[in-house]
Every structure is written in C-alpha cells, then in structure tokens.
Amino acid sequence: MLCKLAATAAALAGLGLAGPAFAAELMLGAYAHDVSFLGSAIGSGAADREKGADLELGLRSGRIEALRLIGAPQAHAFVSVNTNHTSDFVAAGLSWPVRLTHRLYLRPGLGLAYTDGKAGLPPVNAPGLTPEEIQRRLHLFQTRIDFGSRLLFEPEIALGAHLSPRWSAELSWVHISNGEVFHHGKNQGLDDAGVRVIYALGAPAP
C-alpha cells in the first residue's frame, strides 16, 4: 500500500513538474501529535491518547494544468514520523492554493494515507482474560488510537504566507481517519496541528 501511494503521488507530481519555474516545493513540518482541542471538536473519539511530536517531510508539485477542470491543484506526498514511535503515516493527495492577499493564501487539501498505527485493538471485556492481559489491553486502549483501518482519508487545511520568492510558511492542520468508509465501527482519528516551511525549487520566473 505504501508503494501504491508513492507511485500515485509520483505520477501526479510528474504532471506538475512538467511546468516551468518553481514546479516543485519541498515541505518540512513540525506538528503536535493527536491534539485534543481539534479531536474533541470533530468527535474523533481518541484525542490526546498518543503523545510526542510529528516530523513531516514531503514534496509538492507545481499546479497540474491537466486537471484544470477541478482547479489545477498541486499534488503532494509526505511522510510523518512520530517521536514517540506510535502512529507514523505516509500520505498523498491534492491541494488547492486560494489567494487571499499578495502574500497570504489558504490551502485546503484532500488525500489518502496509510498508517502503521493500531487498527483493531483487542477488546478489554472479552471473557477468560487474565488480569495481566486485561491490564495490557487497557493500557493500549488508553494510550493508542484505534484507526479501524490502516488505509485512511487525509483532509488538511493550511494558512500560508509567502516570505520571499522561494520561502513560504504555513500554519497547518492534518487529519487522518477512515471516515466509516474503509472500516465500519471504529473511526478514531488523528489530528496534527503545526507549522510547515516550504522551499520552492527551480529558478525564479523571469
């Protein structure tokens, strides 16, 4: 699944990289992992269970003119690694920069993600469990997100500012959950909130 996501992102990025200057962007981000105030607001049911921070590294294509019927979005692909070794994930999708002012922009996006986090925690109240096994399962329930499925949706939104011709910064929110589509029942999600630094590749447009 990781290979399929990477191949999809590469194909989309290839469409965007066919453009002129600044056809691709590098992304580096630092995020609070499993933030409680966002999780509570959208009812993910697992906010603030997992700890640590997420480090994100990714690539974003130029605008894909071949997809101009849906607004010529940019393709993105990134990997997110948790400092506490809980739920890492890789994601790929599309985003649409919406200009607000000369420097400010809004960027909604949507993609797919694949996580190595928990998907199907064992029930704590199953019959015949030893006290030790009950405590083990209870600890997992209290400290890990149960995504239900490893394949997840990845909506995101960012507020960005162009700092220079090459550099931008974004306040970013990223969510992953199965949306009751890839799995029915457990739909605990992960909310990350943080900052991305963007570096535009290529030569400045003349």
N, C-alpha and C. Protein backbone atom coordinates (compact mmCIF):
# COMPACT_ATOMS: atom_id res chain seq x y z
N MET A 1 0.82 -1.20 0.00
CA MET A 1 0.00 0.00 0.00
C MET A 1 0.86 1.25 0.00
N LEU A 2 1.96 1.25 0.77
CA LEU A 2 2.87 2.39 0.77
C LEU A 2 3.41 2.63 -0.63
N CYS A 3 3.75 1.56 -1.33
CA CYS A 3 4.29 1.70 -2.69
C CYS A 3 3.24 2.26 -3.64
N LYS A 4 1.98 1.83 -3.48
CA LYS A 4 0.92 2.33 -4.34
C LYS A 4 0.69 3.82 -4.12
N LEU A 5 0.69 4.26 -2.85
CA LEU A 5 0.54 5.68 -2.57
C LEU A 5 1.69 6.48 -3.15
N ALA A 6 2.90 5.98 -2.99
CA ALA A 6 4.07 6.68 -3.52
C ALA A 6 4.02 6.77 -5.04
N ALA A 7 3.58 5.68 -5.70
CA ALA A 7 3.50 5.68 -7.15
C ALA A 7 2.45 6.66 -7.64
N THR A 8 1.31 6.72 -6.93
CA THR A 8 0.26 7.68 -7.30
C THR A 8 0.75 9.10 -7.15
N ALA A 9 1.41 9.38 -6.04
CA ALA A 9 1.93 10.74 -5.81
C ALA A 9 2.97 11.10 -6.87
N ALA A 10 3.82 10.14 -7.22
CA ALA A 10 4.85 10.42 -8.23
C ALA A 10 4.22 10.72 -9.58
N ALA A 11 3.17 9.99 -9.93
CA ALA A 11 2.50 10.24 -11.21
C ALA A 11 1.85 11.62 -11.25
N LEU A 12 1.19 11.99 -10.15
CA LEU A 12 0.57 13.31 -10.08
C LEU A 12 1.62 14.41 -10.09
N ALA A 13 2.68 14.19 -9.32
CA ALA A 13 3.75 15.18 -9.28
C ALA A 13 4.40 15.33 -10.64
N GLY A 14 4.50 14.24 -11.39
CA GLY A 14 5.09 14.30 -12.71
C GLY A 14 4.33 15.23 -13.64
N LEU A 15 3.00 15.24 -13.49
CA LEU A 15 2.20 16.17 -14.29
C LEU A 15 2.53 17.61 -13.94
N GLY A 16 2.70 17.87 -12.63
CA GLY A 16 3.01 19.23 -12.19
C GLY A 16 4.43 19.63 -12.51
N LEU A 17 5.37 18.69 -12.47
CA LEU A 17 6.77 19.02 -12.71
C LEU A 17 7.05 19.34 -14.16
N ALA A 18 6.08 19.10 -15.03
CA ALA A 18 6.28 19.42 -16.44
C ALA A 18 6.21 20.92 -16.68
N GLY A 19 5.78 21.70 -15.70
CA GLY A 19 5.64 23.13 -15.84
C GLY A 19 6.96 23.86 -15.77
N PRO A 20 6.95 25.21 -15.80
CA PRO A 20 8.16 26.00 -15.77
C PRO A 20 8.71 26.16 -14.37
N ALA A 21 9.25 27.34 -14.08
CA ALA A 21 9.96 27.61 -12.84
C ALA A 21 9.10 27.32 -11.61
N PHE A 22 9.80 26.98 -10.52
CA PHE A 22 9.14 26.67 -9.26
C PHE A 22 8.08 25.57 -9.43
N ALA A 23 8.41 24.54 -10.20
CA ALA A 23 7.45 23.49 -10.48
C ALA A 23 7.30 22.51 -9.32
N ALA A 24 8.15 22.61 -8.33
CA ALA A 24 8.03 21.71 -7.18
C ALA A 24 8.45 22.44 -5.92
N GLU A 25 7.97 21.93 -4.79
CA GLU A 25 8.29 22.54 -3.49
C GLU A 25 8.64 21.45 -2.49
N LEU A 26 9.65 21.69 -1.70
CA LEU A 26 9.98 20.82 -0.57
C LEU A 26 9.22 21.30 0.66
N MET A 27 8.73 20.35 1.47
CA MET A 27 7.98 20.69 2.67
C MET A 27 8.65 20.05 3.88
N LEU A 28 8.85 20.83 4.92
CA LEU A 28 9.37 20.33 6.19
C LEU A 28 8.48 20.89 7.30
N GLY A 29 7.92 20.00 8.12
CA GLY A 29 6.98 20.45 9.14
C GLY A 29 7.22 19.82 10.50
N ALA A 30 6.76 20.52 11.53
CA ALA A 30 6.78 20.02 12.90
C ALA A 30 5.37 20.18 13.47
N TYR A 31 4.83 19.12 14.03
CA TYR A 31 3.43 19.09 14.43
C TYR A 31 3.25 18.55 15.85
N ALA A 32 2.26 19.09 16.56
CA ALA A 32 1.78 18.46 17.78
C ALA A 32 0.93 17.26 17.37
N HIS A 33 1.19 16.12 17.98
CA HIS A 33 0.55 14.85 17.60
C HIS A 33 -0.70 14.61 18.43
N ASP A 34 -1.81 14.29 17.75
CA ASP A 34 -3.06 13.93 18.43
C ASP A 34 -3.54 15.05 19.34
N VAL A 35 -3.70 16.24 18.76
CA VAL A 35 -4.08 17.42 19.55
C VAL A 35 -5.52 17.29 20.04
N SER A 36 -5.73 17.60 21.31
CA SER A 36 -7.01 17.32 21.95
C SER A 36 -8.11 18.29 21.55
N PHE A 37 -7.78 19.58 21.38
CA PHE A 37 -8.86 20.54 21.13
C PHE A 37 -9.48 20.33 19.77
N LEU A 38 -8.72 19.91 18.78
CA LEU A 38 -9.29 19.62 17.47
C LEU A 38 -10.03 18.29 17.48
N GLY A 39 -9.46 17.29 18.13
CA GLY A 39 -10.11 15.99 18.20
C GLY A 39 -11.46 16.07 18.88
N SER A 40 -11.55 16.84 19.94
CA SER A 40 -12.82 16.98 20.65
C SER A 40 -13.85 17.69 19.78
N ALA A 41 -13.40 18.67 19.01
CA ALA A 41 -14.33 19.46 18.21
C ALA A 41 -14.96 18.64 17.10
N ILE A 42 -14.21 17.71 16.50
CA ILE A 42 -14.76 16.93 15.40
C ILE A 42 -15.20 15.54 15.83
N GLY A 43 -15.04 15.23 17.10
CA GLY A 43 -15.54 13.96 17.61
C GLY A 43 -14.77 12.75 17.17
N SER A 44 -13.44 12.85 17.09
CA SER A 44 -12.66 11.70 16.64
C SER A 44 -12.63 10.59 17.67
N GLY A 45 -12.89 10.91 18.94
CA GLY A 45 -13.02 9.88 19.96
C GLY A 45 -11.72 9.34 20.50
N ALA A 46 -10.58 9.92 20.10
CA ALA A 46 -9.31 9.39 20.60
C ALA A 46 -8.31 10.49 20.87
N ALA A 47 -8.78 11.73 21.00
CA ALA A 47 -7.87 12.85 21.12
C ALA A 47 -7.00 12.76 22.36
N ASP A 48 -5.74 13.12 22.20
CA ASP A 48 -4.79 13.21 23.30
C ASP A 48 -4.45 11.86 23.93
N ARG A 49 -4.60 10.79 23.18
CA ARG A 49 -4.17 9.48 23.68
C ARG A 49 -2.69 9.26 23.40
N GLU A 50 -2.28 9.56 22.19
CA GLU A 50 -0.89 9.36 21.81
C GLU A 50 -0.10 10.65 22.03
N LYS A 51 1.16 10.51 22.37
CA LYS A 51 1.99 11.66 22.75
C LYS A 51 3.07 11.90 21.70
N GLY A 52 3.90 12.89 22.00
CA GLY A 52 5.03 13.19 21.14
C GLY A 52 4.72 14.23 20.09
N ALA A 53 5.65 14.38 19.17
CA ALA A 53 5.51 15.31 18.05
C ALA A 53 5.69 14.54 16.76
N ASP A 54 5.18 15.12 15.67
CA ASP A 54 5.34 14.52 14.36
C ASP A 54 6.26 15.39 13.51
N LEU A 55 7.22 14.77 12.86
CA LEU A 55 8.10 15.43 11.92
C LEU A 55 7.68 15.02 10.51
N GLU A 56 7.48 15.99 9.65
CA GLU A 56 6.94 15.74 8.32
C GLU A 56 7.91 16.20 7.25
N LEU A 57 8.14 15.35 6.27
CA LEU A 57 8.98 15.69 5.12
C LEU A 57 8.24 15.30 3.86
N GLY A 58 8.15 16.24 2.91
CA GLY A 58 7.38 15.92 1.72
C GLY A 58 7.74 16.76 0.52
N LEU A 59 7.03 16.50 -0.55
CA LEU A 59 7.22 17.17 -1.83
C LEU A 59 5.87 17.56 -2.38
N ARG A 60 5.81 18.74 -2.96
CA ARG A 60 4.58 19.23 -3.58
C ARG A 60 4.89 19.64 -5.01
N SER A 61 4.06 19.24 -5.95
CA SER A 61 4.28 19.56 -7.35
C SER A 61 3.85 21.00 -7.66
N GLY A 62 4.11 21.43 -8.88
CA GLY A 62 3.50 22.65 -9.37
C GLY A 62 2.03 22.41 -9.66
N ARG A 63 1.32 23.43 -10.06
CA ARG A 63 -0.10 23.28 -10.39
C ARG A 63 -0.23 22.40 -11.63
N ILE A 64 -1.17 21.48 -11.59
CA ILE A 64 -1.34 20.48 -12.64
C ILE A 64 -2.39 20.98 -13.64
N GLU A 65 -1.93 21.56 -14.73
CA GLU A 65 -2.84 22.13 -15.70
C GLU A 65 -3.71 21.07 -16.36
N ALA A 66 -3.23 19.83 -16.40
CA ALA A 66 -4.05 18.75 -16.96
C ALA A 66 -5.32 18.52 -16.14
N LEU A 67 -5.33 19.01 -14.89
CA LEU A 67 -6.51 18.89 -14.02
C LEU A 67 -7.19 20.24 -13.82
N ARG A 68 -7.12 21.10 -14.82
CA ARG A 68 -7.68 22.44 -14.67
C ARG A 68 -9.21 22.43 -14.51
N LEU A 69 -9.85 21.33 -14.94
CA LEU A 69 -11.30 21.25 -14.76
C LEU A 69 -11.69 21.18 -13.28
N ILE A 70 -10.75 20.77 -12.43
CA ILE A 70 -11.02 20.77 -10.99
C ILE A 70 -10.12 21.79 -10.28
N GLY A 71 -9.70 22.83 -11.03
CA GLY A 71 -9.00 23.94 -10.41
C GLY A 71 -7.49 23.88 -10.45
N ALA A 72 -6.92 22.99 -11.28
CA ALA A 72 -5.46 22.87 -11.40
C ALA A 72 -4.79 22.77 -10.03
N PRO A 73 -5.07 21.70 -9.28
CA PRO A 73 -4.47 21.56 -7.95
C PRO A 73 -3.00 21.21 -8.03
N GLN A 74 -2.35 21.21 -6.87
CA GLN A 74 -1.00 20.70 -6.72
C GLN A 74 -1.05 19.33 -6.06
N ALA A 75 -0.18 18.42 -6.49
CA ALA A 75 -0.08 17.12 -5.84
C ALA A 75 0.91 17.20 -4.69
N HIS A 76 0.64 16.43 -3.64
CA HIS A 76 1.58 16.38 -2.52
C HIS A 76 1.77 14.94 -2.06
N ALA A 77 2.93 14.69 -1.51
CA ALA A 77 3.23 13.40 -0.88
C ALA A 77 4.18 13.68 0.27
N PHE A 78 3.92 13.07 1.43
CA PHE A 78 4.80 13.30 2.58
C PHE A 78 4.77 12.11 3.51
N VAL A 79 5.80 12.02 4.31
CA VAL A 79 5.87 11.02 5.37
C VAL A 79 5.88 11.74 6.70
N SER A 80 5.16 11.20 7.69
CA SER A 80 5.07 11.78 9.02
C SER A 80 5.56 10.76 10.04
N VAL A 81 6.57 11.13 10.81
CA VAL A 81 7.19 10.23 11.77
C VAL A 81 7.00 10.77 13.18
N ASN A 82 6.49 9.93 14.08
CA ASN A 82 6.21 10.33 15.45
C ASN A 82 7.43 10.10 16.35
N THR A 83 7.74 11.08 17.18
CA THR A 83 8.92 10.99 18.04
C THR A 83 8.76 9.95 19.15
N ASN A 84 7.51 9.56 19.46
CA ASN A 84 7.27 8.54 20.49
C ASN A 84 7.06 7.15 19.90
N HIS A 85 7.30 7.01 18.59
CA HIS A 85 7.21 5.72 17.92
C HIS A 85 5.82 5.10 18.04
N THR A 86 4.79 5.95 17.84
CA THR A 86 3.42 5.41 17.86
C THR A 86 2.90 5.33 16.42
N SER A 87 2.10 6.30 15.98
CA SER A 87 1.45 6.20 14.68
C SER A 87 2.17 7.06 13.64
N ASP A 88 3.02 6.44 12.85
CA ASP A 88 3.60 7.09 11.68
C ASP A 88 2.65 6.90 10.51
N PHE A 89 2.75 7.76 9.50
CA PHE A 89 1.93 7.57 8.31
C PHE A 89 2.57 8.22 7.09
N VAL A 90 2.15 7.77 5.92
CA VAL A 90 2.53 8.36 4.66
C VAL A 90 1.24 8.79 3.97
N ALA A 91 1.26 9.91 3.27
CA ALA A 91 0.05 10.44 2.64
C ALA A 91 0.37 10.99 1.27
N ALA A 92 -0.64 10.98 0.41
CA ALA A 92 -0.52 11.56 -0.93
C ALA A 92 -1.88 12.09 -1.33
N GLY A 93 -1.90 13.24 -2.01
CA GLY A 93 -3.19 13.81 -2.41
C GLY A 93 -3.02 15.08 -3.21
N LEU A 94 -4.06 15.90 -3.18
CA LEU A 94 -4.11 17.15 -3.93
C LEU A 94 -4.48 18.29 -3.00
N SER A 95 -4.00 19.49 -3.32
CA SER A 95 -4.39 20.68 -2.57
C SER A 95 -4.55 21.85 -3.53
N TRP A 96 -5.35 22.83 -3.10
CA TRP A 96 -5.71 23.95 -3.94
C TRP A 96 -5.35 25.27 -3.24
N PRO A 97 -4.29 25.97 -3.68
CA PRO A 97 -3.97 27.27 -3.06
C PRO A 97 -4.99 28.33 -3.49
N VAL A 98 -5.53 29.03 -2.51
CA VAL A 98 -6.52 30.09 -2.76
C VAL A 98 -5.92 31.40 -2.27
N ARG A 99 -5.67 32.32 -3.17
CA ARG A 99 -5.02 33.58 -2.81
C ARG A 99 -5.96 34.47 -2.01
N LEU A 100 -5.46 34.97 -0.88
CA LEU A 100 -6.22 35.90 -0.05
C LEU A 100 -5.73 37.33 -0.22
N THR A 101 -4.42 37.51 -0.15
CA THR A 101 -3.78 38.80 -0.40
C THR A 101 -2.53 38.53 -1.23
N HIS A 102 -1.71 39.56 -1.42
CA HIS A 102 -0.47 39.38 -2.19
C HIS A 102 0.42 38.32 -1.56
N ARG A 103 0.43 38.23 -0.22
CA ARG A 103 1.29 37.28 0.47
C ARG A 103 0.54 36.09 1.07
N LEU A 104 -0.69 36.31 1.50
CA LEU A 104 -1.41 35.27 2.24
C LEU A 104 -2.25 34.39 1.32
N TYR A 105 -2.37 33.13 1.68
CA TYR A 105 -3.21 32.20 0.92
C TYR A 105 -3.78 31.14 1.84
N LEU A 106 -4.86 30.55 1.41
CA LEU A 106 -5.49 29.43 2.10
C LEU A 106 -5.30 28.20 1.23
N ARG A 107 -5.04 27.05 1.86
CA ARG A 107 -4.78 25.85 1.07
C ARG A 107 -5.55 24.66 1.66
N PRO A 108 -6.76 24.36 1.13
CA PRO A 108 -7.43 23.12 1.50
C PRO A 108 -6.88 21.97 0.67
N GLY A 109 -6.93 20.77 1.23
CA GLY A 109 -6.42 19.61 0.51
C GLY A 109 -7.11 18.34 0.94
N LEU A 110 -6.96 17.31 0.11
CA LEU A 110 -7.57 16.01 0.40
C LEU A 110 -6.70 14.92 -0.20
N GLY A 111 -6.50 13.85 0.56
CA GLY A 111 -5.69 12.75 0.05
C GLY A 111 -6.01 11.45 0.75
N LEU A 112 -5.14 10.47 0.55
CA LEU A 112 -5.22 9.18 1.21
C LEU A 112 -3.95 8.98 2.03
N ALA A 113 -4.08 8.27 3.12
CA ALA A 113 -2.93 7.99 3.98
C ALA A 113 -2.91 6.52 4.34
N TYR A 114 -1.72 6.06 4.73
CA TYR A 114 -1.55 4.70 5.23
C TYR A 114 -0.72 4.79 6.50
N THR A 115 -1.21 4.19 7.58
CA THR A 115 -0.54 4.30 8.87
C THR A 115 -0.02 2.94 9.35
N ASP A 116 1.04 3.00 10.15
CA ASP A 116 1.50 1.78 10.83
C ASP A 116 0.96 1.73 12.25
N GLY A 117 -0.01 2.61 12.56
CA GLY A 117 -0.63 2.61 13.89
C GLY A 117 -1.58 1.45 14.08
N LYS A 118 -2.28 1.44 15.20
CA LYS A 118 -3.15 0.32 15.56
C LYS A 118 -4.45 0.37 14.75
N ALA A 119 -4.88 -0.80 14.31
CA ALA A 119 -6.14 -0.91 13.56
C ALA A 119 -6.84 -2.20 14.00
N GLY A 120 -7.62 -2.09 15.06
CA GLY A 120 -8.31 -3.26 15.59
C GLY A 120 -7.75 -3.71 16.93
N LEU A 121 -7.82 -2.82 17.93
CA LEU A 121 -7.35 -3.20 19.27
C LEU A 121 -8.23 -4.29 19.87
N PRO A 122 -7.66 -5.22 20.61
CA PRO A 122 -8.47 -6.31 21.20
C PRO A 122 -9.36 -5.76 22.31
N PRO A 123 -10.57 -6.31 22.45
CA PRO A 123 -11.49 -5.82 23.49
C PRO A 123 -10.99 -6.10 24.89
N VAL A 124 -11.24 -5.16 25.79
CA VAL A 124 -10.81 -5.32 27.18
C VAL A 124 -11.74 -6.27 27.95
N ASN A 125 -13.01 -6.33 27.52
CA ASN A 125 -14.02 -7.09 28.28
C ASN A 125 -14.26 -8.48 27.72
N ALA A 126 -13.33 -9.02 26.94
CA ALA A 126 -13.51 -10.38 26.43
C ALA A 126 -13.45 -11.38 27.58
N PRO A 127 -14.23 -12.45 27.51
CA PRO A 127 -14.24 -13.42 28.62
C PRO A 127 -12.94 -14.22 28.70
N GLY A 128 -12.60 -14.64 29.92
CA GLY A 128 -11.48 -15.53 30.13
C GLY A 128 -10.11 -14.89 30.13
N LEU A 129 -10.04 -13.57 30.19
CA LEU A 129 -8.75 -12.91 30.18
C LEU A 129 -8.11 -12.93 31.57
N THR A 130 -6.81 -13.06 31.60
CA THR A 130 -6.09 -12.96 32.87
C THR A 130 -6.01 -11.48 33.28
N PRO A 131 -5.81 -11.22 34.58
CA PRO A 131 -5.66 -9.82 35.00
C PRO A 131 -4.53 -9.10 34.26
N GLU A 132 -3.45 -9.82 33.98
CA GLU A 132 -2.32 -9.20 33.26
C GLU A 132 -2.72 -8.81 31.84
N GLU A 133 -3.47 -9.69 31.18
CA GLU A 133 -3.90 -9.39 29.81
C GLU A 133 -4.91 -8.24 29.79
N ILE A 134 -5.79 -8.19 30.80
CA ILE A 134 -6.74 -7.08 30.89
C ILE A 134 -5.99 -5.76 31.03
N GLN A 135 -4.96 -5.73 31.87
CA GLN A 135 -4.18 -4.51 32.05
C GLN A 135 -3.43 -4.13 30.78
N ARG A 136 -2.93 -5.13 30.06
CA ARG A 136 -2.22 -4.84 28.81
C ARG A 136 -3.15 -4.20 27.79
N ARG A 137 -4.34 -4.79 27.66
CA ARG A 137 -5.31 -4.26 26.69
C ARG A 137 -5.83 -2.89 27.12
N LEU A 138 -6.03 -2.71 28.41
CA LEU A 138 -6.50 -1.42 28.91
C LEU A 138 -5.46 -0.34 28.65
N HIS A 139 -4.18 -0.67 28.82
CA HIS A 139 -3.11 0.29 28.55
C HIS A 139 -3.11 0.68 27.07
N LEU A 140 -3.30 -0.28 26.18
CA LEU A 140 -3.38 0.03 24.76
C LEU A 140 -4.57 0.94 24.46
N PHE A 141 -5.72 0.63 25.06
CA PHE A 141 -6.92 1.44 24.84
C PHE A 141 -6.72 2.88 25.29
N GLN A 142 -5.97 3.08 26.36
CA GLN A 142 -5.78 4.41 26.93
C GLN A 142 -4.66 5.20 26.25
N THR A 143 -3.78 4.52 25.55
CA THR A 143 -2.59 5.20 25.04
C THR A 143 -2.42 5.11 23.52
N ARG A 144 -3.29 4.38 22.83
CA ARG A 144 -3.15 4.25 21.39
C ARG A 144 -4.47 4.55 20.69
N ILE A 145 -4.38 5.15 19.51
CA ILE A 145 -5.54 5.36 18.65
C ILE A 145 -5.86 4.06 17.93
N ASP A 146 -7.14 3.71 17.88
CA ASP A 146 -7.59 2.56 17.10
C ASP A 146 -8.23 3.08 15.81
N PHE A 147 -7.46 3.08 14.73
CA PHE A 147 -7.93 3.67 13.48
C PHE A 147 -9.00 2.83 12.79
N GLY A 148 -9.10 1.56 13.15
CA GLY A 148 -10.06 0.70 12.48
C GLY A 148 -9.54 0.16 11.17
N SER A 149 -8.87 1.00 10.41
CA SER A 149 -8.29 0.62 9.12
C SER A 149 -6.94 1.30 8.97
N ARG A 150 -6.02 0.66 8.29
CA ARG A 150 -4.72 1.29 8.05
C ARG A 150 -4.78 2.26 6.87
N LEU A 151 -5.70 2.03 5.92
CA LEU A 151 -5.92 2.96 4.82
C LEU A 151 -6.94 4.00 5.26
N LEU A 152 -6.59 5.27 5.12
CA LEU A 152 -7.37 6.36 5.72
C LEU A 152 -7.51 7.53 4.76
N PHE A 153 -8.51 8.37 5.01
CA PHE A 153 -8.62 9.65 4.33
C PHE A 153 -7.69 10.66 5.00
N GLU A 154 -7.24 11.65 4.22
CA GLU A 154 -6.31 12.65 4.74
C GLU A 154 -6.73 14.06 4.30
N PRO A 155 -7.78 14.63 4.92
CA PRO A 155 -8.09 16.03 4.66
C PRO A 155 -7.11 16.93 5.41
N GLU A 156 -6.84 18.10 4.86
CA GLU A 156 -5.95 19.05 5.52
C GLU A 156 -6.32 20.46 5.08
N ILE A 157 -5.89 21.43 5.87
CA ILE A 157 -6.06 22.83 5.50
C ILE A 157 -4.90 23.62 6.11
N ALA A 158 -4.45 24.63 5.37
CA ALA A 158 -3.32 25.43 5.84
C ALA A 158 -3.57 26.90 5.51
N LEU A 159 -3.05 27.76 6.36
CA LEU A 159 -3.00 29.20 6.11
C LEU A 159 -1.54 29.54 5.90
N GLY A 160 -1.20 30.04 4.72
CA GLY A 160 0.19 30.25 4.38
C GLY A 160 0.53 31.70 4.08
N ALA A 161 1.83 31.97 4.11
CA ALA A 161 2.34 33.31 3.79
C ALA A 161 3.62 33.14 2.97
N HIS A 162 3.72 33.89 1.86
CA HIS A 162 4.94 33.92 1.07
C HIS A 162 5.93 34.88 1.76
N LEU A 163 7.05 34.34 2.18
CA LEU A 163 8.05 35.14 2.88
C LEU A 163 9.07 35.74 1.91
N SER A 164 9.29 35.08 0.79
CA SER A 164 10.23 35.53 -0.24
C SER A 164 9.86 34.77 -1.51
N PRO A 165 10.54 35.04 -2.63
CA PRO A 165 10.23 34.27 -3.84
C PRO A 165 10.39 32.76 -3.67
N ARG A 166 11.27 32.34 -2.78
CA ARG A 166 11.49 30.91 -2.59
C ARG A 166 10.85 30.32 -1.33
N TRP A 167 10.73 31.12 -0.29
CA TRP A 167 10.32 30.59 1.02
C TRP A 167 8.89 30.98 1.36
N SER A 168 8.17 30.01 1.93
CA SER A 168 6.83 30.24 2.47
C SER A 168 6.71 29.48 3.79
N ALA A 169 5.72 29.88 4.57
CA ALA A 169 5.44 29.18 5.83
C ALA A 169 3.93 28.98 5.93
N GLU A 170 3.52 27.86 6.52
CA GLU A 170 2.11 27.53 6.63
C GLU A 170 1.76 27.06 8.03
N LEU A 171 0.68 27.60 8.59
CA LEU A 171 0.03 27.01 9.76
C LEU A 171 -0.86 25.90 9.23
N SER A 172 -0.65 24.68 9.69
CA SER A 172 -1.24 23.52 9.02
C SER A 172 -1.98 22.62 10.00
N TRP A 173 -3.12 22.09 9.54
CA TRP A 173 -3.87 21.06 10.26
C TRP A 173 -4.03 19.87 9.33
N VAL A 174 -3.69 18.69 9.81
CA VAL A 174 -3.81 17.45 9.04
C VAL A 174 -4.61 16.45 9.86
N HIS A 175 -5.58 15.81 9.24
CA HIS A 175 -6.43 14.82 9.91
C HIS A 175 -6.37 13.52 9.12
N ILE A 176 -6.31 12.39 9.82
CA ILE A 176 -6.45 11.10 9.16
C ILE A 176 -7.46 10.25 9.91
N SER A 177 -8.39 9.64 9.17
CA SER A 177 -9.37 8.71 9.75
C SER A 177 -10.01 7.94 8.61
N ASN A 178 -10.72 6.86 8.96
CA ASN A 178 -11.29 6.02 7.90
C ASN A 178 -12.63 6.52 7.38
N GLY A 179 -13.25 7.48 8.09
CA GLY A 179 -14.49 8.08 7.61
C GLY A 179 -15.66 7.12 7.51
N GLU A 180 -15.60 5.99 8.22
CA GLU A 180 -16.63 4.96 8.15
C GLU A 180 -16.80 4.43 6.72
N VAL A 181 -15.74 4.58 5.90
CA VAL A 181 -15.76 4.07 4.52
C VAL A 181 -14.85 2.86 4.40
N PHE A 182 -13.60 3.01 4.84
CA PHE A 182 -12.65 1.89 4.76
C PHE A 182 -12.88 0.88 5.88
N HIS A 183 -13.66 1.27 6.90
CA HIS A 183 -13.96 0.36 8.01
C HIS A 183 -15.23 0.86 8.68
N HIS A 184 -16.09 -0.05 9.09
CA HIS A 184 -17.32 0.31 9.79
C HIS A 184 -17.18 -0.10 11.26
N GLY A 185 -17.40 0.86 12.13
CA GLY A 185 -17.25 0.62 13.57
C GLY A 185 -16.28 1.61 14.14
N LYS A 186 -15.05 1.18 14.38
CA LYS A 186 -14.03 2.07 14.92
C LYS A 186 -13.68 3.15 13.90
N ASN A 187 -13.74 4.41 14.33
CA ASN A 187 -13.37 5.52 13.45
C ASN A 187 -12.63 6.57 14.26
N GLN A 188 -11.69 6.13 15.07
CA GLN A 188 -10.87 7.07 15.82
C GLN A 188 -9.84 7.67 14.87
N GLY A 189 -9.69 8.99 14.94
CA GLY A 189 -8.79 9.67 14.02
C GLY A 189 -7.65 10.36 14.73
N LEU A 190 -6.73 10.84 13.92
CA LEU A 190 -5.57 11.58 14.41
C LEU A 190 -5.61 12.99 13.86
N ASP A 191 -5.42 13.97 14.74
CA ASP A 191 -5.32 15.37 14.33
C ASP A 191 -3.94 15.90 14.67
N ASP A 192 -3.27 16.44 13.66
CA ASP A 192 -1.98 17.08 13.84
C ASP A 192 -2.11 18.56 13.55
N ALA A 193 -1.51 19.39 14.37
CA ALA A 193 -1.50 20.84 14.14
C ALA A 193 -0.08 21.33 14.29
N GLY A 194 0.38 22.13 13.32
CA GLY A 194 1.76 22.59 13.39
C GLY A 194 2.12 23.57 12.31
N VAL A 195 3.39 23.62 12.00
CA VAL A 195 3.94 24.60 11.05
C VAL A 195 4.75 23.87 9.99
N ARG A 196 4.55 24.28 8.75
CA ARG A 196 5.35 23.80 7.63
C ARG A 196 6.20 24.95 7.09
N VAL A 197 7.42 24.62 6.71
CA VAL A 197 8.27 25.54 5.96
C VAL A 197 8.37 25.01 4.54
N ILE A 198 8.16 25.87 3.57
CA ILE A 198 8.12 25.48 2.16
C ILE A 198 9.27 26.13 1.42
N TYR A 199 10.00 25.35 0.63
CA TYR A 199 11.08 25.87 -0.19
C TYR A 199 10.79 25.54 -1.66
N ALA A 200 10.69 26.57 -2.48
CA ALA A 200 10.39 26.39 -3.91
C ALA A 200 11.66 26.06 -4.67
N LEU A 201 11.59 24.99 -5.47
CA LEU A 201 12.73 24.57 -6.26
C LEU A 201 12.72 25.25 -7.62
N GLY A 202 13.84 25.19 -8.32
CA GLY A 202 13.91 25.75 -9.65
C GLY A 202 14.35 27.19 -9.64
N ALA A 203 14.41 27.77 -10.83
CA ALA A 203 14.83 29.17 -10.97
C ALA A 203 13.62 30.08 -10.95
N PRO A 204 13.75 31.29 -10.40
CA PRO A 204 12.63 32.24 -10.39
C PRO A 204 12.15 32.53 -11.80
N ALA A 205 10.84 32.69 -11.93
CA ALA A 205 10.26 33.04 -13.23
C ALA A 205 10.77 34.42 -13.66
N PRO A 206 11.02 34.61 -14.97
CA PRO A 206 11.53 35.91 -15.42
C PRO A 206 10.48 37.00 -15.30
